[in-house]
N, C-alpha and C. Protein backbone atom coordinates (compact mmCIF):
# COMPACT_ATOMS: atom_id res chain seq x y z
N MET A 1 7.96 -4.48 13.28
CA MET A 1 6.58 -3.96 12.96
C MET A 1 6.48 -2.60 13.28
N ILE A 2 5.59 -1.63 12.45
CA ILE A 2 5.50 -0.35 12.78
C ILE A 2 4.32 -0.53 13.90
N GLY A 3 4.50 0.55 14.67
CA GLY A 3 3.43 0.88 15.95
C GLY A 3 2.46 2.14 15.44
N HIS A 4 1.48 2.18 16.07
CA HIS A 4 0.41 3.28 15.70
C HIS A 4 1.34 4.76 15.58
N GLY A 5 0.99 5.71 14.74
CA GLY A 5 1.61 6.76 14.25
C GLY A 5 2.78 6.63 13.74
N GLN A 6 3.71 5.59 13.92
CA GLN A 6 4.94 5.41 13.38
C GLN A 6 4.92 5.71 11.97
N LYS A 7 6.18 5.85 11.32
CA LYS A 7 6.33 6.11 9.85
C LYS A 7 7.03 4.78 9.36
N LEU A 8 6.52 4.47 7.98
CA LEU A 8 7.39 3.32 7.48
C LEU A 8 8.80 3.34 7.24
N THR A 9 9.49 2.26 7.44
CA THR A 9 10.87 2.58 7.19
C THR A 9 11.05 2.27 5.57
N ARG A 10 12.39 2.89 5.22
CA ARG A 10 12.67 3.03 4.01
C ARG A 10 12.68 1.66 2.92
N LYS A 11 12.80 0.53 3.95
CA LYS A 11 12.43 -0.74 3.22
C LYS A 11 11.10 -1.02 2.72
N GLN A 12 10.03 -0.49 3.79
CA GLN A 12 8.64 -0.81 3.39
C GLN A 12 8.31 0.50 2.43
N GLU A 13 8.94 1.61 2.60
CA GLU A 13 8.52 2.65 1.40
C GLU A 13 8.98 1.75 -0.11
N SER A 14 10.15 1.26 0.02
CA SER A 14 10.83 0.79 -1.07
C SER A 14 9.63 -0.61 -1.72
N ALA A 15 9.41 -1.24 -0.64
CA ALA A 15 8.19 -2.36 -0.72
C ALA A 15 6.91 -1.69 -1.82
N ILE A 16 6.47 -0.77 -1.14
CA ILE A 16 5.60 -0.26 -1.55
C ILE A 16 5.55 0.25 -3.05
N ALA A 17 6.59 0.69 -3.51
CA ALA A 17 7.01 1.10 -4.85
C ALA A 17 7.16 -0.16 -5.30
N ALA A 18 7.80 -1.26 -5.23
CA ALA A 18 7.84 -2.35 -5.77
C ALA A 18 6.68 -3.29 -6.14
N LEU A 19 5.74 -3.12 -4.98
CA LEU A 19 4.47 -3.48 -5.24
C LEU A 19 3.54 -3.07 -6.24
N LEU A 20 3.91 -1.76 -6.69
CA LEU A 20 3.09 -0.93 -7.73
C LEU A 20 3.56 -1.26 -9.09
N THR A 21 4.82 -1.43 -9.03
CA THR A 21 5.52 -1.99 -10.13
C THR A 21 5.85 -3.45 -11.02
N CYS A 22 5.62 -4.18 -9.94
CA CYS A 22 6.06 -5.60 -10.24
C CYS A 22 4.83 -6.24 -10.19
N PRO A 23 5.11 -7.46 -11.11
CA PRO A 23 3.64 -8.28 -11.52
C PRO A 23 3.26 -8.92 -10.28
N THR A 24 4.09 -9.43 -9.32
CA THR A 24 3.98 -10.39 -8.33
C THR A 24 4.44 -9.94 -7.06
N VAL A 25 3.73 -10.45 -5.91
CA VAL A 25 4.48 -10.00 -4.53
C VAL A 25 5.65 -10.46 -4.55
N THR A 26 6.06 -11.59 -5.07
CA THR A 26 7.16 -12.38 -5.04
C THR A 26 8.38 -11.52 -5.64
N ALA A 27 8.09 -10.96 -6.90
CA ALA A 27 8.85 -10.40 -7.74
C ALA A 27 9.27 -8.95 -7.21
N ALA A 28 8.11 -8.41 -6.25
CA ALA A 28 8.21 -7.06 -5.49
C ALA A 28 9.29 -7.49 -4.15
N ALA A 29 9.03 -8.38 -3.64
CA ALA A 29 9.93 -8.74 -2.45
C ALA A 29 11.36 -8.83 -3.00
N THR A 30 11.68 -9.50 -4.20
CA THR A 30 13.22 -9.46 -4.67
C THR A 30 13.58 -8.02 -5.13
N ALA A 31 12.59 -7.47 -5.55
CA ALA A 31 13.15 -6.17 -6.30
C ALA A 31 13.48 -5.18 -5.01
N CYS A 32 12.94 -5.22 -4.04
CA CYS A 32 13.07 -4.36 -2.66
C CYS A 32 14.03 -5.06 -1.38
N GLY A 33 14.41 -6.16 -1.84
CA GLY A 33 15.40 -6.87 -1.22
C GLY A 33 14.95 -7.41 0.34
N VAL A 34 13.90 -7.94 0.32
CA VAL A 34 13.11 -8.54 1.37
C VAL A 34 12.59 -9.71 1.07
N SER A 35 12.17 -10.78 1.88
CA SER A 35 11.93 -12.08 1.65
C SER A 35 10.25 -12.12 1.06
N ALA A 36 9.51 -13.05 0.39
CA ALA A 36 8.52 -12.85 0.14
C ALA A 36 7.64 -12.94 1.27
N PRO A 37 7.70 -14.01 2.63
CA PRO A 37 6.96 -13.86 3.69
C PRO A 37 7.20 -12.79 4.45
N THR A 38 8.25 -12.10 4.17
CA THR A 38 8.23 -10.67 5.14
C THR A 38 7.23 -9.82 4.31
N LEU A 39 7.23 -9.80 3.41
CA LEU A 39 6.43 -8.77 2.26
C LEU A 39 4.97 -9.25 2.36
N TYR A 40 4.57 -10.34 2.71
CA TYR A 40 3.25 -10.63 2.85
C TYR A 40 2.77 -10.41 4.33
N ARG A 41 3.80 -10.56 5.22
CA ARG A 41 3.41 -10.15 6.70
C ARG A 41 3.13 -8.59 6.62
N TRP A 42 4.11 -7.77 5.91
CA TRP A 42 3.73 -6.40 5.66
C TRP A 42 2.55 -6.02 5.45
N LEU A 43 1.90 -6.57 4.43
CA LEU A 43 0.54 -6.48 3.66
C LEU A 43 -0.56 -6.86 4.54
N ARG A 44 -0.23 -7.47 5.48
CA ARG A 44 -1.32 -7.88 6.48
C ARG A 44 -1.54 -7.08 7.78
N ASP A 45 -0.18 -5.87 7.83
CA ASP A 45 -0.26 -4.91 8.82
C ASP A 45 -1.12 -3.73 8.24
N ALA A 46 -1.93 -3.40 9.23
CA ALA A 46 -2.89 -2.74 8.80
C ALA A 46 -2.23 -0.90 8.42
N GLU A 47 -1.34 -0.55 9.19
CA GLU A 47 -0.65 0.93 8.52
C GLU A 47 0.07 0.66 7.45
N PHE A 48 0.69 -0.70 7.01
CA PHE A 48 1.56 -0.66 5.58
C PHE A 48 0.60 -0.95 4.73
N ARG A 49 -0.58 -1.44 4.89
CA ARG A 49 -1.66 -1.81 3.95
C ARG A 49 -2.42 -0.49 3.54
N ALA A 50 -2.49 0.38 4.69
CA ALA A 50 -3.15 1.68 4.35
C ALA A 50 -1.98 2.41 3.43
N ALA A 51 -1.09 2.40 3.72
CA ALA A 51 -0.10 3.63 3.21
C ALA A 51 0.02 2.69 1.80
N PHE A 52 -0.13 1.43 1.43
CA PHE A 52 0.17 0.79 -0.17
C PHE A 52 -1.07 1.33 -0.56
N GLU A 53 -2.50 1.16 0.10
CA GLU A 53 -3.72 1.58 -0.67
C GLU A 53 -3.41 2.98 -1.07
N ILE A 54 -3.18 3.85 -0.33
CA ILE A 54 -3.12 5.45 -0.50
C ILE A 54 -2.04 5.62 -1.93
N ALA A 55 -1.11 4.71 -1.76
CA ALA A 55 -0.08 4.93 -3.25
C ALA A 55 -0.47 4.63 -4.13
N ARG A 56 -1.29 3.25 -4.12
CA ARG A 56 -2.04 2.62 -5.48
C ARG A 56 -3.30 3.59 -5.85
N HIS A 57 -3.80 4.06 -4.79
CA HIS A 57 -4.81 5.07 -5.37
C HIS A 57 -4.41 6.40 -6.21
N THR A 58 -3.40 6.61 -5.47
CA THR A 58 -2.73 7.88 -6.28
C THR A 58 -2.31 7.41 -7.67
N LEU A 59 -1.74 6.45 -7.51
CA LEU A 59 -1.04 6.45 -8.74
C LEU A 59 -2.12 6.07 -9.91
N VAL A 60 -3.18 5.60 -9.79
CA VAL A 60 -4.43 5.29 -10.61
C VAL A 60 -4.93 6.65 -10.84
N ARG A 61 -5.21 7.35 -9.93
CA ARG A 61 -5.72 8.76 -9.78
C ARG A 61 -4.60 9.55 -10.95
N ASP A 62 -3.55 9.45 -10.64
CA ASP A 62 -2.56 10.11 -11.64
C ASP A 62 -2.63 9.59 -12.97
N ALA A 63 -2.73 8.37 -13.34
CA ALA A 63 -3.16 7.69 -14.58
C ALA A 63 -4.30 8.42 -15.51
N ILE A 64 -5.39 8.32 -14.63
CA ILE A 64 -6.77 8.67 -15.08
C ILE A 64 -6.44 10.19 -15.51
N GLY A 65 -6.11 11.13 -14.65
CA GLY A 65 -5.38 12.29 -15.04
C GLY A 65 -4.71 12.41 -16.35
N THR A 66 -3.69 11.57 -16.76
CA THR A 66 -3.09 11.52 -17.92
C THR A 66 -4.05 11.01 -19.05
N VAL A 67 -5.04 10.26 -18.80
CA VAL A 67 -5.82 9.89 -19.92
C VAL A 67 -6.64 10.83 -20.36
N GLN A 68 -7.19 11.68 -19.02
CA GLN A 68 -7.97 13.00 -19.20
C GLN A 68 -7.45 13.87 -20.22
N LEU A 69 -6.36 14.06 -19.84
CA LEU A 69 -5.41 15.10 -20.60
C LEU A 69 -5.26 14.78 -22.12
N SER A 70 -5.48 13.50 -22.28
CA SER A 70 -5.30 13.08 -23.93
C SER A 70 -6.51 13.05 -24.44
N ILE A 71 -7.61 13.73 -24.04
CA ILE A 71 -9.05 13.70 -24.75
C ILE A 71 -8.70 14.39 -25.72
N ASN A 72 -8.15 15.75 -25.77
CA ASN A 72 -8.31 16.52 -26.79
C ASN A 72 -7.42 16.26 -28.16
N GLU A 73 -6.38 15.45 -27.73
CA GLU A 73 -5.46 14.84 -28.90
C GLU A 73 -6.48 13.67 -29.63
N ALA A 74 -7.17 12.91 -28.71
CA ALA A 74 -8.03 11.92 -29.25
C ALA A 74 -9.02 12.31 -30.13
N VAL A 75 -9.63 13.37 -29.76
CA VAL A 75 -10.78 14.09 -30.46
C VAL A 75 -10.16 14.65 -31.77
N SER A 76 -9.50 15.14 -31.64
CA SER A 76 -8.36 15.82 -32.99
C SER A 76 -7.99 14.56 -33.77
N ALA A 77 -7.45 13.50 -33.54
CA ALA A 77 -7.24 12.47 -34.40
C ALA A 77 -8.28 11.86 -34.79
N LEU A 78 -9.63 11.92 -34.10
CA LEU A 78 -10.87 11.26 -34.80
C LEU A 78 -11.39 12.25 -36.05
N ARG A 79 -11.34 13.40 -35.47
CA ARG A 79 -11.57 14.40 -36.62
C ARG A 79 -10.46 14.35 -37.76
N ARG A 80 -9.23 14.06 -37.71
CA ARG A 80 -8.44 14.18 -38.71
C ARG A 80 -8.55 13.26 -39.57
N HIS A 81 -9.30 11.94 -39.03
CA HIS A 81 -9.32 10.81 -39.60
C HIS A 81 -10.50 10.61 -40.05
N LEU A 82 -11.40 11.25 -39.88
CA LEU A 82 -12.90 10.78 -40.56
C LEU A 82 -12.98 10.47 -41.98
N THR A 83 -12.34 11.20 -42.79
CA THR A 83 -12.34 10.81 -43.90
C THR A 83 -11.06 10.52 -44.64
N CYS A 84 -10.17 9.99 -43.99
CA CYS A 84 -8.99 9.47 -44.23
C CYS A 84 -9.15 8.02 -44.67
N GLY A 85 -8.32 7.57 -45.57
CA GLY A 85 -8.27 5.93 -46.20
C GLY A 85 -7.99 4.96 -44.95
N GLN A 86 -6.78 5.14 -44.54
CA GLN A 86 -6.59 4.31 -43.32
C GLN A 86 -6.50 4.54 -41.80
N PRO A 87 -7.14 5.13 -41.38
CA PRO A 87 -7.22 5.65 -39.85
C PRO A 87 -7.67 4.36 -38.92
N ALA A 88 -7.66 3.42 -39.13
CA ALA A 88 -8.40 2.42 -38.11
C ALA A 88 -7.41 2.04 -36.88
N VAL A 89 -6.48 2.14 -37.02
CA VAL A 89 -5.55 2.14 -35.62
C VAL A 89 -5.41 3.55 -34.69
N GLU A 90 -5.49 4.43 -35.52
CA GLU A 90 -5.42 5.74 -34.64
C GLU A 90 -7.01 5.88 -34.13
N CYS A 91 -7.92 5.67 -35.04
CA CYS A 91 -9.40 5.85 -34.51
C CYS A 91 -9.83 5.10 -33.38
N ARG A 92 -9.01 3.63 -33.52
CA ARG A 92 -9.40 2.98 -32.30
C ARG A 92 -8.88 3.10 -31.19
N ALA A 93 -7.76 3.98 -31.00
CA ALA A 93 -6.72 4.52 -30.05
C ALA A 93 -7.53 5.63 -29.29
N ALA A 94 -8.13 6.51 -30.11
CA ALA A 94 -8.56 7.86 -30.04
C ALA A 94 -9.96 7.43 -29.29
N THR A 95 -10.67 6.35 -29.97
CA THR A 95 -11.93 5.87 -29.42
C THR A 95 -11.83 5.36 -27.98
N ALA A 96 -10.49 4.47 -27.96
CA ALA A 96 -10.41 3.76 -26.51
C ALA A 96 -10.16 5.17 -25.37
N LEU A 97 -9.16 6.05 -25.83
CA LEU A 97 -9.12 7.05 -25.05
C LEU A 97 -10.24 7.89 -24.50
N ILE A 98 -11.33 8.40 -25.82
CA ILE A 98 -12.25 9.08 -24.93
C ILE A 98 -13.35 8.01 -24.13
N ASP A 99 -13.49 6.83 -24.73
CA ASP A 99 -14.12 6.07 -23.53
C ASP A 99 -13.58 5.77 -22.11
N LEU A 100 -12.45 5.98 -22.20
CA LEU A 100 -11.65 5.78 -20.85
C LEU A 100 -12.10 7.37 -20.24
N ALA A 101 -11.76 8.48 -20.81
CA ALA A 101 -12.01 9.46 -20.34
C ALA A 101 -13.56 9.61 -19.51
N ILE A 102 -14.67 9.43 -20.44
CA ILE A 102 -15.79 9.01 -20.15
C ILE A 102 -15.93 8.40 -18.86
N ARG A 103 -15.78 6.99 -18.94
CA ARG A 103 -15.66 6.46 -17.99
C ARG A 103 -15.36 6.85 -16.42
N THR A 104 -13.64 7.57 -16.76
CA THR A 104 -13.36 7.97 -15.19
C THR A 104 -14.15 9.08 -14.75
N VAL A 105 -14.94 10.06 -15.60
CA VAL A 105 -15.81 10.90 -15.15
C VAL A 105 -16.88 10.35 -14.33
N ALA A 106 -17.44 9.06 -14.85
CA ALA A 106 -18.37 8.67 -14.11
C ALA A 106 -18.17 7.99 -12.93
N ILE A 107 -16.88 7.37 -13.00
CA ILE A 107 -16.42 6.82 -11.65
C ILE A 107 -16.42 7.89 -10.54
N THR A 108 -15.69 8.98 -11.14
CA THR A 108 -15.26 10.26 -10.12
C THR A 108 -16.78 10.54 -9.66
N GLU A 109 -17.77 10.58 -10.24
CA GLU A 109 -19.09 11.24 -9.86
C GLU A 109 -19.52 9.99 -8.90
N ILE A 110 -19.47 8.95 -9.29
CA ILE A 110 -20.14 7.76 -8.40
C ILE A 110 -19.35 8.04 -7.01
N ASP A 111 -17.83 8.06 -7.07
CA ASP A 111 -17.16 8.47 -5.79
C ASP A 111 -17.59 9.45 -5.05
N GLN A 112 -17.84 10.63 -5.58
CA GLN A 112 -18.35 11.96 -4.97
C GLN A 112 -19.84 11.62 -4.33
N ARG A 113 -20.48 10.77 -4.88
CA ARG A 113 -21.75 10.74 -4.28
C ARG A 113 -21.74 9.53 -3.30
N LEU A 114 -20.85 8.53 -3.29
CA LEU A 114 -20.89 7.37 -2.30
C LEU A 114 -20.06 8.45 -1.06
N ALA A 115 -19.12 9.35 -1.22
CA ALA A 115 -18.38 10.03 -0.05
C ALA A 115 -19.47 10.86 0.62
N LEU A 116 -20.44 11.24 -0.41
CA LEU A 116 -21.45 12.14 0.47
C LEU A 116 -22.33 11.24 1.15
N LEU A 117 -22.92 10.22 0.52
CA LEU A 117 -23.96 9.20 1.14
C LEU A 117 -23.25 8.59 2.85
N GLU A 118 -21.90 8.36 2.39
CA GLU A 118 -21.34 7.89 3.85
C GLU A 118 -21.11 8.92 4.95
N GLU A 119 -20.80 10.31 4.37
CA GLU A 119 -20.77 11.52 5.32
C GLU A 119 -22.18 11.46 5.87
N ALA A 120 -23.21 11.27 5.07
CA ALA A 120 -24.33 11.67 5.48
C ALA A 120 -24.98 10.54 6.75
N GLN A 121 -24.28 9.54 6.48
CA GLN A 121 -24.59 8.17 7.26
C GLN A 121 -24.10 8.58 8.38
N GLN A 122 -22.77 8.85 8.52
CA GLN A 122 -21.90 9.23 9.71
C GLN A 122 -22.51 10.37 10.84
N VAL A 123 -22.69 11.34 10.12
CA VAL A 123 -23.51 12.55 10.84
C VAL A 123 -24.82 12.07 11.38
N GLY A 124 -25.72 11.69 10.28
CA GLY A 124 -27.05 11.30 10.46
C GLY A 124 -27.36 10.14 11.46
N GLY A 125 -26.55 9.21 11.78
CA GLY A 125 -26.67 8.11 12.24
C GLY A 125 -26.98 7.01 11.58
N GLY A 126 -27.04 7.19 10.29
CA GLY A 126 -27.46 6.15 9.27
C GLY A 126 -28.50 6.62 8.34
N LEU A 127 -28.80 6.39 7.39
CA LEU A 127 -29.61 6.61 6.08
C LEU A 127 -31.10 5.91 6.57
N ARG A 128 -31.89 6.85 6.15
CA ARG A 128 -33.19 6.92 6.70
C ARG A 128 -34.24 6.48 5.31
N ARG A 129 -35.19 5.48 5.45
CA ARG A 129 -36.03 5.17 4.35
C ARG A 129 -37.40 6.17 4.24
């Protein structure tokens, strides 16, 4: 097991990558060459779990960025097919991308507000009513 301040082993780093790409913990264990009980034990370890959470949040943040980069194409597709005869599939995809982009902006704003509230709580010793 890793101690305070120690880096993860290569096997543990491989396990994190597998956890991010495999549908189950058992599949991830097989993919990285460890037993499922070992991977479950690592997931209970605070430092391994923290590294996994950071990797997972990074993956999600990058995916959100990719969706947001697609927004201009989505709007162009909607505009291009507003008067088209059979634009249903492209318009649904474009609408979904726009919806995702709007949601990610809202989530980002909520995260920022939450971080400010948490910081204020730590600095001020708690929120006052």
